[in-house]
Amino acid sequence: MWLIIALVTGQTVQGIIQQTWDTWIANLDEYTLEVLIASGVAGIIGYVIGMAASSIIMPLLDSKARIDFTFNPEIFLIATMLAIIVGIIAAFYPAYKATKLDPTVAFRTL
């Protein structure tokens, strides 16, 4: 989530410059594409790290238990989709706020 907010915030200057001739809808598709890519990659990385951490931590908690972690496509898709949804929600508000800024006021705050 913080990665998406950093991406959107980092493009504030670009958003301010484009604000003079672009509309809110025109800016939204650019942000949405970046959010989809960044959130999707973050979801995949999170799934892989979660599976690796589970296979390392579970034997430490119970030495008698043998748990096999296998790839489950349903859980993989759910985790990735949830990451994308959270990314879109986290990016929508800053992107909307950046498009509503007056360019002169935004430049003064930098």
PDB file of N, CA and C in Angstrom:
ATOM      1  N   MET A   1       0.824  -1.182   0.000  1.00  0.00           N
ATOM      2  CA  MET A   1       0.000   0.000   0.000  1.00  0.00           C
ATOM      3  C   MET A   1       0.872   1.250   0.000  1.00  0.00           C
ATOM      4  N   TRP A   2       1.956   1.240   0.805  1.00  0.00           N
ATOM      5  CA  TRP A   2       2.826   2.412   0.864  1.00  0.00           C
ATOM      6  C   TRP A   2       3.565   2.612  -0.447  1.00  0.00           C
ATOM      7  N   LEU A   3       3.827   1.503  -1.171  1.00  0.00           N
ATOM      8  CA  LEU A   3       4.482   1.616  -2.464  1.00  0.00           C
ATOM      9  C   LEU A   3       3.606   2.373  -3.448  1.00  0.00           C
ATOM     10  N   ILE A   4       2.329   2.090  -3.431  1.00  0.00           N
ATOM     11  CA  ILE A   4       1.404   2.760  -4.340  1.00  0.00           C
ATOM     12  C   ILE A   4       1.299   4.242  -3.989  1.00  0.00           C
ATOM     13  N   ILE A   5       1.201   4.541  -2.699  1.00  0.00           N
ATOM     14  CA  ILE A   5       1.116   5.939  -2.276  1.00  0.00           C
ATOM     15  C   ILE A   5       2.396   6.682  -2.672  1.00  0.00           C
ATOM     16  N   ALA A   6       3.552   6.028  -2.548  1.00  0.00           N
ATOM     17  CA  ALA A   6       4.814   6.656  -2.943  1.00  0.00           C
ATOM     18  C   ALA A   6       4.863   6.894  -4.451  1.00  0.00           C
ATOM     19  N   LEU A   7       4.348   5.926  -5.235  1.00  0.00           N
ATOM     20  CA  LEU A   7       4.317   6.109  -6.689  1.00  0.00           C
ATOM     21  C   LEU A   7       3.452   7.297  -7.079  1.00  0.00           C
ATOM     22  N   VAL A   8       2.283   7.379  -6.480  1.00  0.00           N
ATOM     23  CA  VAL A   8       1.372   8.470  -6.826  1.00  0.00           C
ATOM     24  C   VAL A   8       1.915   9.805  -6.353  1.00  0.00           C
ATOM     25  N   THR A   9       2.464   9.832  -5.138  1.00  0.00           N
ATOM     26  CA  THR A   9       3.010  11.078  -4.602  1.00  0.00           C
ATOM     27  C   THR A   9       4.230  11.529  -5.397  1.00  0.00           C
ATOM     28  N   GLY A  10       5.033  10.581  -5.847  1.00  0.00           N
ATOM     29  CA  GLY A  10       6.213  10.921  -6.621  1.00  0.00           C
ATOM     30  C   GLY A  10       5.890  11.548  -7.961  1.00  0.00           C
ATOM     31  N   GLN A  11       4.712  11.315  -8.437  1.00  0.00           N
ATOM     32  CA  GLN A  11       4.309  11.874  -9.727  1.00  0.00           C
ATOM     33  C   GLN A  11       3.488  13.143  -9.576  1.00  0.00           C
ATOM     34  N   THR A  12       3.530  13.742  -8.419  1.00  0.00           N
ATOM     35  CA  THR A  12       2.747  14.955  -8.194  1.00  0.00           C
ATOM     36  C   THR A  12       3.181  16.075  -9.135  1.00  0.00           C
ATOM     37  N   VAL A  13       4.477  16.232  -9.319  1.00  0.00           N
ATOM     38  CA  VAL A  13       4.958  17.297 -10.208  1.00  0.00           C
ATOM     39  C   VAL A  13       4.486  17.040 -11.633  1.00  0.00           C
ATOM     40  N   GLN A  14       4.589  15.799 -12.063  1.00  0.00           N
ATOM     41  CA  GLN A  14       4.106  15.456 -13.396  1.00  0.00           C
ATOM     42  C   GLN A  14       2.607  15.687 -13.486  1.00  0.00           C
ATOM     43  N   GLY A  15       1.884  15.344 -12.453  1.00  0.00           N
ATOM     44  CA  GLY A  15       0.444  15.567 -12.432  1.00  0.00           C
ATOM     45  C   GLY A  15       0.085  17.039 -12.442  1.00  0.00           C
ATOM     46  N   ILE A  16       0.898  17.850 -11.759  1.00  0.00           N
ATOM     47  CA  ILE A  16       0.645  19.294 -11.738  1.00  0.00           C
ATOM     48  C   ILE A  16       0.848  19.889 -13.127  1.00  0.00           C
ATOM     49  N   ILE A  17       1.920  19.474 -13.800  1.00  0.00           N
ATOM     50  CA  ILE A  17       2.191  19.996 -15.134  1.00  0.00           C
ATOM     51  C   ILE A  17       1.095  19.574 -16.118  1.00  0.00           C
ATOM     52  N   GLN A  18       0.661  18.328 -16.034  1.00  0.00           N
ATOM     53  CA  GLN A  18      -0.363  17.844 -16.952  1.00  0.00           C
ATOM     54  C   GLN A  18      -1.743  18.383 -16.608  1.00  0.00           C
ATOM     55  N   GLN A  19      -1.916  18.852 -15.400  1.00  0.00           N
ATOM     56  CA  GLN A  19      -3.224  19.320 -14.958  1.00  0.00           C
ATOM     57  C   GLN A  19      -3.726  20.487 -15.796  1.00  0.00           C
ATOM     58  N   THR A  20      -2.822  21.263 -16.358  1.00  0.00           N
ATOM     59  CA  THR A  20      -3.246  22.443 -17.104  1.00  0.00           C
ATOM     60  C   THR A  20      -4.047  22.079 -18.345  1.00  0.00           C
ATOM     61  N   TRP A  21      -3.842  20.912 -18.908  1.00  0.00           N
ATOM     62  CA  TRP A  21      -4.595  20.559 -20.113  1.00  0.00           C
ATOM     63  C   TRP A  21      -5.267  19.186 -20.042  1.00  0.00           C
ATOM     64  N   ASP A  22      -4.986  18.384 -19.032  1.00  0.00           N
ATOM     65  CA  ASP A  22      -5.628  17.073 -18.913  1.00  0.00           C
ATOM     66  C   ASP A  22      -6.815  17.135 -17.963  1.00  0.00           C
ATOM     67  N   THR A  23      -7.719  16.223 -18.156  1.00  0.00           N
ATOM     68  CA  THR A  23      -8.860  16.118 -17.253  1.00  0.00           C
ATOM     69  C   THR A  23      -8.590  15.031 -16.226  1.00  0.00           C
ATOM     70  N   TRP A  24      -9.487  14.934 -15.256  1.00  0.00           N
ATOM     71  CA  TRP A  24      -9.329  13.934 -14.200  1.00  0.00           C
ATOM     72  C   TRP A  24      -9.378  12.521 -14.764  1.00  0.00           C
ATOM     73  N   ILE A  25     -10.234  12.277 -15.727  1.00  0.00           N
ATOM     74  CA  ILE A  25     -10.361  10.946 -16.326  1.00  0.00           C
ATOM     75  C   ILE A  25      -9.107  10.585 -17.113  1.00  0.00           C
ATOM     76  N   ALA A  26      -8.524  11.539 -17.819  1.00  0.00           N
ATOM     77  CA  ALA A  26      -7.315  11.262 -18.597  1.00  0.00           C
ATOM     78  C   ALA A  26      -6.156  10.879 -17.682  1.00  0.00           C
ATOM     79  N   ASN A  27      -6.045  11.499 -16.521  1.00  0.00           N
ATOM     80  CA  ASN A  27      -4.982  11.150 -15.579  1.00  0.00           C
ATOM     81  C   ASN A  27      -5.264   9.829 -14.883  1.00  0.00           C
ATOM     82  N   LEU A  28      -6.515   9.512 -14.692  1.00  0.00           N
ATOM     83  CA  LEU A  28      -6.878   8.321 -13.939  1.00  0.00           C
ATOM     84  C   LEU A  28      -6.416   7.044 -14.629  1.00  0.00           C
ATOM     85  N   ASP A  29      -6.484   6.977 -15.960  1.00  0.00           N
ATOM     86  CA  ASP A  29      -6.075   5.746 -16.626  1.00  0.00           C
ATOM     87  C   ASP A  29      -4.563   5.514 -16.524  1.00  0.00           C
ATOM     88  N   GLU A  30      -3.767   6.588 -16.501  1.00  0.00           N
ATOM     89  CA  GLU A  30      -2.323   6.442 -16.332  1.00  0.00           C
ATOM     90  C   GLU A  30      -2.003   5.898 -14.942  1.00  0.00           C
ATOM     91  N   TYR A  31      -2.626   6.445 -13.931  1.00  0.00           N
ATOM     92  CA  TYR A  31      -2.401   5.969 -12.568  1.00  0.00           C
ATOM     93  C   TYR A  31      -2.905   4.537 -12.398  1.00  0.00           C
ATOM     94  N   THR A  32      -4.039   4.234 -13.005  1.00  0.00           N
ATOM     95  CA  THR A  32      -4.616   2.908 -12.849  1.00  0.00           C
ATOM     96  C   THR A  32      -3.697   1.836 -13.429  1.00  0.00           C
ATOM     97  N   LEU A  33      -3.105   2.095 -14.562  1.00  0.00           N
ATOM     98  CA  LEU A  33      -2.188   1.126 -15.158  1.00  0.00           C
ATOM     99  C   LEU A  33      -0.985   0.888 -14.257  1.00  0.00           C
ATOM    100  N   GLU A  34      -0.406   1.942 -13.727  1.00  0.00           N
ATOM    101  CA  GLU A  34       0.735   1.781 -12.826  1.00  0.00           C
ATOM    102  C   GLU A  34       0.342   1.050 -11.551  1.00  0.00           C
ATOM    103  N   VAL A  35      -0.836   1.352 -11.048  1.00  0.00           N
ATOM    104  CA  VAL A  35      -1.309   0.685  -9.827  1.00  0.00           C
ATOM    105  C   VAL A  35      -1.541  -0.794 -10.085  1.00  0.00           C
ATOM    106  N   LEU A  36      -2.133  -1.136 -11.210  1.00  0.00           N
ATOM    107  CA  LEU A  36      -2.381  -2.542 -11.528  1.00  0.00           C
ATOM    108  C   LEU A  36      -1.070  -3.319 -11.619  1.00  0.00           C
ATOM    109  N   ILE A  37      -0.086  -2.747 -12.272  1.00  0.00           N
ATOM    110  CA  ILE A  37       1.196  -3.443 -12.413  1.00  0.00           C
ATOM    111  C   ILE A  37       1.904  -3.570 -11.066  1.00  0.00           C
ATOM    112  N   ALA A  38       2.018  -2.467 -10.341  1.00  0.00           N
ATOM    113  CA  ALA A  38       2.734  -2.494  -9.055  1.00  0.00           C
ATOM    114  C   ALA A  38       2.017  -3.382  -8.038  1.00  0.00           C
ATOM    115  N   SER A  39       0.699  -3.305  -7.977  1.00  0.00           N
ATOM    116  CA  SER A  39      -0.049  -4.121  -7.012  1.00  0.00           C
ATOM    117  C   SER A  39      -0.015  -5.596  -7.382  1.00  0.00           C
ATOM    118  N   GLY A  40      -0.099  -5.889  -8.661  1.00  0.00           N
ATOM    119  CA  GLY A  40      -0.028  -7.288  -9.092  1.00  0.00           C
ATOM    120  C   GLY A  40       1.306  -7.920  -8.763  1.00  0.00           C
ATOM    121  N   VAL A  41       2.384  -7.196  -9.038  1.00  0.00           N
ATOM    122  CA  VAL A  41       3.722  -7.704  -8.710  1.00  0.00           C
ATOM    123  C   VAL A  41       3.875  -7.845  -7.196  1.00  0.00           C
ATOM    124  N   ALA A  42       3.368  -6.875  -6.443  1.00  0.00           N
ATOM    125  CA  ALA A  42       3.446  -6.949  -4.977  1.00  0.00           C
ATOM    126  C   ALA A  42       2.651  -8.148  -4.444  1.00  0.00           C
ATOM    127  N   GLY A  43       1.498  -8.430  -5.040  1.00  0.00           N
ATOM    128  CA  GLY A  43       0.708  -9.590  -4.624  1.00  0.00           C
ATOM    129  C   GLY A  43       1.433 -10.900  -4.884  1.00  0.00           C
ATOM    130  N   ILE A  44       2.082 -11.008  -6.043  1.00  0.00           N
ATOM    131  CA  ILE A  44       2.828 -12.221  -6.375  1.00  0.00           C
ATOM    132  C   ILE A  44       4.015 -12.391  -5.438  1.00  0.00           C
ATOM    133  N   ILE A  45       4.754 -11.316  -5.197  1.00  0.00           N
ATOM    134  CA  ILE A  45       5.903 -11.383  -4.286  1.00  0.00           C
ATOM    135  C   ILE A  45       5.444 -11.717  -2.873  1.00  0.00           C
ATOM    136  N   GLY A  46       4.330 -11.124  -2.442  1.00  0.00           N
ATOM    137  CA  GLY A  46       3.795 -11.418  -1.115  1.00  0.00           C
ATOM    138  C   GLY A  46       3.381 -12.874  -0.954  1.00  0.00           C
ATOM    139  N   TYR A  47       2.796 -13.438  -2.003  1.00  0.00           N
ATOM    140  CA  TYR A  47       2.399 -14.847  -1.954  1.00  0.00           C
ATOM    141  C   TYR A  47       3.628 -15.744  -1.830  1.00  0.00           C
ATOM    142  N   VAL A  48       4.657 -15.464  -2.610  1.00  0.00           N
ATOM    143  CA  VAL A  48       5.873 -16.277  -2.578  1.00  0.00           C
ATOM    144  C   VAL A  48       6.562 -16.148  -1.221  1.00  0.00           C
ATOM    145  N   ILE A  49       6.668 -14.937  -0.696  1.00  0.00           N
ATOM    146  CA  ILE A  49       7.293 -14.741   0.615  1.00  0.00           C
ATOM    147  C   ILE A  49       6.476 -15.419   1.716  1.00  0.00           C
ATOM    148  N   GLY A  50       5.163 -15.335   1.628  1.00  0.00           N
ATOM    149  CA  GLY A  50       4.310 -15.994   2.616  1.00  0.00           C
ATOM    150  C   GLY A  50       4.462 -17.502   2.608  1.00  0.00           C
ATOM    151  N   MET A  51       4.540 -18.088   1.415  1.00  0.00           N
ATOM    152  CA  MET A  51       4.731 -19.545   1.327  1.00  0.00           C
ATOM    153  C   MET A  51       6.104 -19.944   1.871  1.00  0.00           C
ATOM    154  N   ALA A  52       7.131 -19.160   1.539  1.00  0.00           N
ATOM    155  CA  ALA A  52       8.476 -19.476   2.028  1.00  0.00           C
ATOM    156  C   ALA A  52       8.555 -19.321   3.545  1.00  0.00           C
ATOM    157  N   ALA A  53       7.975 -18.266   4.076  1.00  0.00           N
ATOM    158  CA  ALA A  53       7.999 -18.056   5.526  1.00  0.00           C
ATOM    159  C   ALA A  53       7.223 -19.146   6.254  1.00  0.00           C
ATOM    160  N   SER A  54       6.110 -19.567   5.684  1.00  0.00           N
ATOM    161  CA  SER A  54       5.327 -20.632   6.320  1.00  0.00           C
ATOM    162  C   SER A  54       6.096 -21.943   6.361  1.00  0.00           C
ATOM    163  N   SER A  55       6.791 -22.261   5.286  1.00  0.00           N
ATOM    164  CA  SER A  55       7.537 -23.520   5.269  1.00  0.00           C
ATOM    165  C   SER A  55       8.758 -23.476   6.187  1.00  0.00           C
ATOM    166  N   ILE A  56       9.238 -22.281   6.504  1.00  0.00           N
ATOM    167  CA  ILE A  56      10.366 -22.162   7.430  1.00  0.00           C
ATOM    168  C   ILE A  56       9.888 -22.141   8.878  1.00  0.00           C
ATOM    169  N   ILE A  57       8.809 -21.431   9.145  1.00  0.00           N
ATOM    170  CA  ILE A  57       8.346 -21.237  10.522  1.00  0.00           C
ATOM    171  C   ILE A  57       7.583 -22.447  11.067  1.00  0.00           C
ATOM    172  N   MET A  58       6.795 -23.115  10.259  1.00  0.00           N
ATOM    173  CA  MET A  58       5.971 -24.221  10.755  1.00  0.00           C
ATOM    174  C   MET A  58       6.782 -25.349  11.397  1.00  0.00           C
ATOM    175  N   PRO A  59       7.887 -25.797  10.819  1.00  0.00           N
ATOM    176  CA  PRO A  59       8.672 -26.831  11.518  1.00  0.00           C
ATOM    177  C   PRO A  59       9.254 -26.350  12.849  1.00  0.00           C
ATOM    178  N   LEU A  60       9.504 -25.059  12.984  1.00  0.00           N
ATOM    179  CA  LEU A  60      10.028 -24.544  14.246  1.00  0.00           C
ATOM    180  C   LEU A  60       8.969 -24.552  15.339  1.00  0.00           C
ATOM    181  N   LEU A  61       7.700 -24.388  14.966  1.00  0.00           N
ATOM    182  CA  LEU A  61       6.621 -24.347  15.945  1.00  0.00           C
ATOM    183  C   LEU A  61       6.233 -25.738  16.438  1.00  0.00           C
ATOM    184  N   ASP A  62       6.198 -26.694  15.528  1.00  0.00           N
ATOM    185  CA  ASP A  62       5.801 -28.051  15.902  1.00  0.00           C
ATOM    186  C   ASP A  62       6.676 -29.024  15.129  1.00  0.00           C
ATOM    187  N   SER A  63       7.636 -29.613  15.818  1.00  0.00           N
ATOM    188  CA  SER A  63       8.592 -30.484  15.144  1.00  0.00           C
ATOM    189  C   SER A  63       7.972 -31.804  14.704  1.00  0.00           C
ATOM    190  N   LYS A  64       6.848 -32.209  15.304  1.00  0.00           N
ATOM    191  CA  LYS A  64       6.213 -33.474  14.950  1.00  0.00           C
ATOM    192  C   LYS A  64       5.305 -33.354  13.733  1.00  0.00           C
ATOM    193  N   ALA A  65       4.814 -32.170  13.496  1.00  0.00           N
ATOM    194  CA  ALA A  65       3.865 -31.982  12.396  1.00  0.00           C
ATOM    195  C   ALA A  65       4.597 -31.882  11.057  1.00  0.00           C
ATOM    196  N   ARG A  66       4.045 -32.546  10.085  1.00  0.00           N
ATOM    197  CA  ARG A  66       4.593 -32.464   8.726  1.00  0.00           C
ATOM    198  C   ARG A  66       3.513 -31.850   7.842  1.00  0.00           C
ATOM    199  N   ILE A  67       3.763 -30.641   7.377  1.00  0.00           N
ATOM    200  CA  ILE A  67       2.800 -29.929   6.553  1.00  0.00           C
ATOM    201  C   ILE A  67       3.440 -29.664   5.198  1.00  0.00           C
ATOM    202  N   ASP A  68       2.763 -30.085   4.154  1.00  0.00           N
ATOM    203  CA  ASP A  68       3.251 -29.839   2.801  1.00  0.00           C
ATOM    204  C   ASP A  68       2.565 -28.606   2.245  1.00  0.00           C
ATOM    205  N   PHE A  69       3.357 -27.665   1.827  1.00  0.00           N
ATOM    206  CA  PHE A  69       2.831 -26.457   1.202  1.00  0.00           C
ATOM    207  C   PHE A  69       2.939 -26.617  -0.306  1.00  0.00           C
ATOM    208  N   THR A  70       1.802 -26.633  -0.941  1.00  0.00           N
ATOM    209  CA  THR A  70       1.771 -26.754  -2.393  1.00  0.00           C
ATOM    210  C   THR A  70       1.139 -25.501  -2.989  1.00  0.00           C
ATOM    211  N   PHE A  71       1.441 -25.289  -4.240  1.00  0.00           N
ATOM    212  CA  PHE A  71       0.883 -24.136  -4.947  1.00  0.00           C
ATOM    213  C   PHE A  71      -0.604 -24.367  -5.156  1.00  0.00           C
ATOM    214  N   ASN A  72      -1.408 -23.403  -4.688  1.00  0.00           N
ATOM    215  CA  ASN A  72      -2.853 -23.450  -4.865  1.00  0.00           C
ATOM    216  C   ASN A  72      -3.252 -22.269  -5.742  1.00  0.00           C
ATOM    217  N   PRO A  73      -3.697 -22.530  -6.980  1.00  0.00           N
ATOM    218  CA  PRO A  73      -4.011 -21.425  -7.886  1.00  0.00           C
ATOM    219  C   PRO A  73      -5.147 -20.529  -7.392  1.00  0.00           C
ATOM    220  N   GLU A  74      -6.101 -21.091  -6.674  1.00  0.00           N
ATOM    221  CA  GLU A  74      -7.219 -20.288  -6.167  1.00  0.00           C
ATOM    222  C   GLU A  74      -6.731 -19.269  -5.143  1.00  0.00           C
ATOM    223  N   ILE A  75      -5.914 -19.715  -4.207  1.00  0.00           N
ATOM    224  CA  ILE A  75      -5.393 -18.817  -3.191  1.00  0.00           C
ATOM    225  C   ILE A  75      -4.451 -17.797  -3.824  1.00  0.00           C
ATOM    226  N   PHE A  76      -3.678 -18.227  -4.813  1.00  0.00           N
ATOM    227  CA  PHE A  76      -2.785 -17.311  -5.518  1.00  0.00           C
ATOM    228  C   PHE A  76      -3.585 -16.205  -6.204  1.00  0.00           C
ATOM    229  N   LEU A  77      -4.655 -16.554  -6.884  1.00  0.00           N
ATOM    230  CA  LEU A  77      -5.485 -15.546  -7.560  1.00  0.00           C
ATOM    231  C   LEU A  77      -6.187 -14.630  -6.562  1.00  0.00           C
ATOM    232  N   ILE A  78      -6.682 -15.191  -5.466  1.00  0.00           N
ATOM    233  CA  ILE A  78      -7.346 -14.372  -4.450  1.00  0.00           C
ATOM    234  C   ILE A  78      -6.355 -13.389  -3.840  1.00  0.00           C
ATOM    235  N   ALA A  79      -5.145 -13.855  -3.517  1.00  0.00           N
ATOM    236  CA  ALA A  79      -4.130 -12.969  -2.916  1.00  0.00           C
ATOM    237  C   ALA A  79      -3.734 -11.858  -3.887  1.00  0.00           C
ATOM    238  N   THR A  80      -3.566 -12.216  -5.150  1.00  0.00           N
ATOM    239  CA  THR A  80      -3.178 -11.204  -6.137  1.00  0.00           C
ATOM    240  C   THR A  80      -4.304 -10.215  -6.372  1.00  0.00           C
ATOM    241  N   MET A  81      -5.537 -10.684  -6.469  1.00  0.00           N
ATOM    242  CA  MET A  81      -6.667  -9.784  -6.679  1.00  0.00           C
ATOM    243  C   MET A  81      -6.874  -8.860  -5.482  1.00  0.00           C
ATOM    244  N   LEU A  82      -6.721  -9.383  -4.274  1.00  0.00           N
ATOM    245  CA  LEU A  82      -6.841  -8.528  -3.094  1.00  0.00           C
ATOM    246  C   LEU A  82      -5.753  -7.458  -3.076  1.00  0.00           C
ATOM    247  N   ALA A  83      -4.537  -7.822  -3.480  1.00  0.00           N
ATOM    248  CA  ALA A  83      -3.460  -6.833  -3.545  1.00  0.00           C
ATOM    249  C   ALA A  83      -3.781  -5.749  -4.572  1.00  0.00           C
ATOM    250  N   ILE A  84      -4.351  -6.136  -5.701  1.00  0.00           N
ATOM    251  CA  ILE A  84      -4.709  -5.164  -6.730  1.00  0.00           C
ATOM    252  C   ILE A  84      -5.834  -4.253  -6.239  1.00  0.00           C
ATOM    253  N   ILE A  85      -6.831  -4.817  -5.570  1.00  0.00           N
ATOM    254  CA  ILE A  85      -7.940  -4.009  -5.056  1.00  0.00           C
ATOM    255  C   ILE A  85      -7.453  -3.010  -4.009  1.00  0.00           C
ATOM    256  N   VAL A  86      -6.606  -3.467  -3.096  1.00  0.00           N
ATOM    257  CA  VAL A  86      -6.064  -2.568  -2.077  1.00  0.00           C
ATOM    258  C   VAL A  86      -5.206  -1.489  -2.732  1.00  0.00           C
ATOM    259  N   GLY A  87      -4.443  -1.849  -3.748  1.00  0.00           N
ATOM    260  CA  GLY A  87      -3.625  -0.874  -4.457  1.00  0.00           C
ATOM    261  C   GLY A  87      -4.453   0.183  -5.153  1.00  0.00           C
ATOM    262  N   ILE A  88      -5.553  -0.222  -5.780  1.00  0.00           N
ATOM    263  CA  ILE A  88      -6.423   0.737  -6.454  1.00  0.00           C
ATOM    264  C   ILE A  88      -7.062   1.682  -5.444  1.00  0.00           C
ATOM    265  N   ILE A  89      -7.523   1.136  -4.338  1.00  0.00           N
ATOM    266  CA  ILE A  89      -8.138   1.978  -3.309  1.00  0.00           C
ATOM    267  C   ILE A  89      -7.109   2.942  -2.717  1.00  0.00           C
ATOM    268  N   ALA A  90      -5.882   2.443  -2.472  1.00  0.00           N
ATOM    269  CA  ALA A  90      -4.840   3.285  -1.886  1.00  0.00           C
ATOM    270  C   ALA A  90      -4.368   4.363  -2.851  1.00  0.00           C
ATOM    271  N   ALA A  91      -4.475   4.139  -4.145  1.00  0.00           N
ATOM    272  CA  ALA A  91      -3.999   5.115  -5.125  1.00  0.00           C
ATOM    273  C   ALA A  91      -5.085   6.072  -5.582  1.00  0.00           C
ATOM    274  N   PHE A  92      -6.333   5.701  -5.423  1.00  0.00           N
ATOM    275  CA  PHE A  92      -7.410   6.529  -5.963  1.00  0.00           C
ATOM    276  C   PHE A  92      -7.485   7.886  -5.269  1.00  0.00           C
ATOM    277  N   TYR A  93      -7.433   7.903  -3.955  1.00  0.00           N
ATOM    278  CA  TYR A  93      -7.586   9.167  -3.233  1.00  0.00           C
ATOM    279  C   TYR A  93      -6.454  10.154  -3.516  1.00  0.00           C
ATOM    280  N   PRO A  94      -5.165   9.752  -3.435  1.00  0.00           N
ATOM    281  CA  PRO A  94      -4.113  10.728  -3.761  1.00  0.00           C
ATOM    282  C   PRO A  94      -4.156  11.188  -5.223  1.00  0.00           C
ATOM    283  N   ALA A  95      -4.517  10.283  -6.139  1.00  0.00           N
ATOM    284  CA  ALA A  95      -4.607  10.676  -7.547  1.00  0.00           C
ATOM    285  C   ALA A  95      -5.751  11.659  -7.760  1.00  0.00           C
ATOM    286  N   TYR A  96      -6.863  11.399  -7.121  1.00  0.00           N
ATOM    287  CA  TYR A  96      -8.002  12.314  -7.225  1.00  0.00           C
ATOM    288  C   TYR A  96      -7.662  13.673  -6.624  1.00  0.00           C
ATOM    289  N   LYS A  97      -6.981  13.644  -5.478  1.00  0.00           N
ATOM    290  CA  LYS A  97      -6.598  14.881  -4.813  1.00  0.00           C
ATOM    291  C   LYS A  97      -5.592  15.671  -5.657  1.00  0.00           C
ATOM    292  N   ALA A  98      -4.657  14.984  -6.319  1.00  0.00           N
ATOM    293  CA  ALA A  98      -3.657  15.662  -7.146  1.00  0.00           C
ATOM    294  C   ALA A  98      -4.284  16.307  -8.372  1.00  0.00           C
ATOM    295  N   THR A  99      -5.301  15.688  -8.928  1.00  0.00           N
ATOM    296  CA  THR A  99      -5.927  16.272 -10.118  1.00  0.00           C
ATOM    297  C   THR A  99      -6.800  17.464  -9.774  1.00  0.00           C
ATOM    298  N   LYS A 100      -7.221  17.587  -8.544  1.00  0.00           N
ATOM    299  CA  LYS A 100      -8.062  18.718  -8.140  1.00  0.00           C
ATOM    300  C   LYS A 100      -7.254  19.922  -7.658  1.00  0.00           C
ATOM    301  N   LEU A 101      -5.932  19.781  -7.566  1.00  0.00           N
ATOM    302  CA  LEU A 101      -5.104  20.882  -7.095  1.00  0.00           C
ATOM    303  C   LEU A 101      -4.987  21.975  -8.150  1.00  0.00           C
ATOM    304  N   ASP A 102      -4.944  23.190  -7.684  1.00  0.00           N
ATOM    305  CA  ASP A 102      -4.632  24.319  -8.567  1.00  0.00           C
ATOM    306  C   ASP A 102      -3.120  24.292  -8.796  1.00  0.00           C
ATOM    307  N   PRO A 103      -2.653  24.347 -10.043  1.00  0.00           N
ATOM    308  CA  PRO A 103      -1.219  24.220 -10.294  1.00  0.00           C
ATOM    309  C   PRO A 103      -0.362  25.254  -9.571  1.00  0.00           C
ATOM    310  N   THR A 104      -0.814  26.468  -9.451  1.00  0.00           N
ATOM    311  CA  THR A 104      -0.001  27.469  -8.769  1.00  0.00           C
ATOM    312  C   THR A 104       0.119  27.188  -7.269  1.00  0.00           C
ATOM    313  N   VAL A 105      -0.959  26.750  -6.671  1.00  0.00           N
ATOM    314  CA  VAL A 105      -0.917  26.407  -5.244  1.00  0.00           C
ATOM    315  C   VAL A 105      -0.042  25.181  -5.025  1.00  0.00           C
ATOM    316  N   ALA A 106      -0.119  24.203  -5.919  1.00  0.00           N
ATOM    317  CA  ALA A 106       0.684  23.001  -5.781  1.00  0.00           C
ATOM    318  C   ALA A 106       2.168  23.302  -5.914  1.00  0.00           C
ATOM    319  N   PHE A 107       2.541  24.192  -6.827  1.00  0.00           N
ATOM    320  CA  PHE A 107       3.950  24.553  -6.962  1.00  0.00           C
ATOM    321  C   PHE A 107       4.461  25.291  -5.729  1.00  0.00           C
ATOM    322  N   ARG A 108       3.627  26.066  -5.080  1.00  0.00           N
ATOM    323  CA  ARG A 108       4.044  26.766  -3.859  1.00  0.00           C
ATOM    324  C   ARG A 108       4.327  25.790  -2.730  1.00  0.00           C
ATOM    325  N   THR A 109       3.608  24.683  -2.672  1.00  0.00           N
ATOM    326  CA  THR A 109       3.804  23.714  -1.583  1.00  0.00           C
ATOM    327  C   THR A 109       5.059  22.872  -1.777  1.00  0.00           C
ATOM    328  N   LEU A 110       5.589  22.840  -2.983  1.00  0.00           N
ATOM    329  CA  LEU A 110       6.820  22.078  -3.212  1.00  0.00           C
ATOM    330  C   LEU A 110       7.967  22.832  -2.632  1.00  0.00           C
TER     331      LEU A 110
END
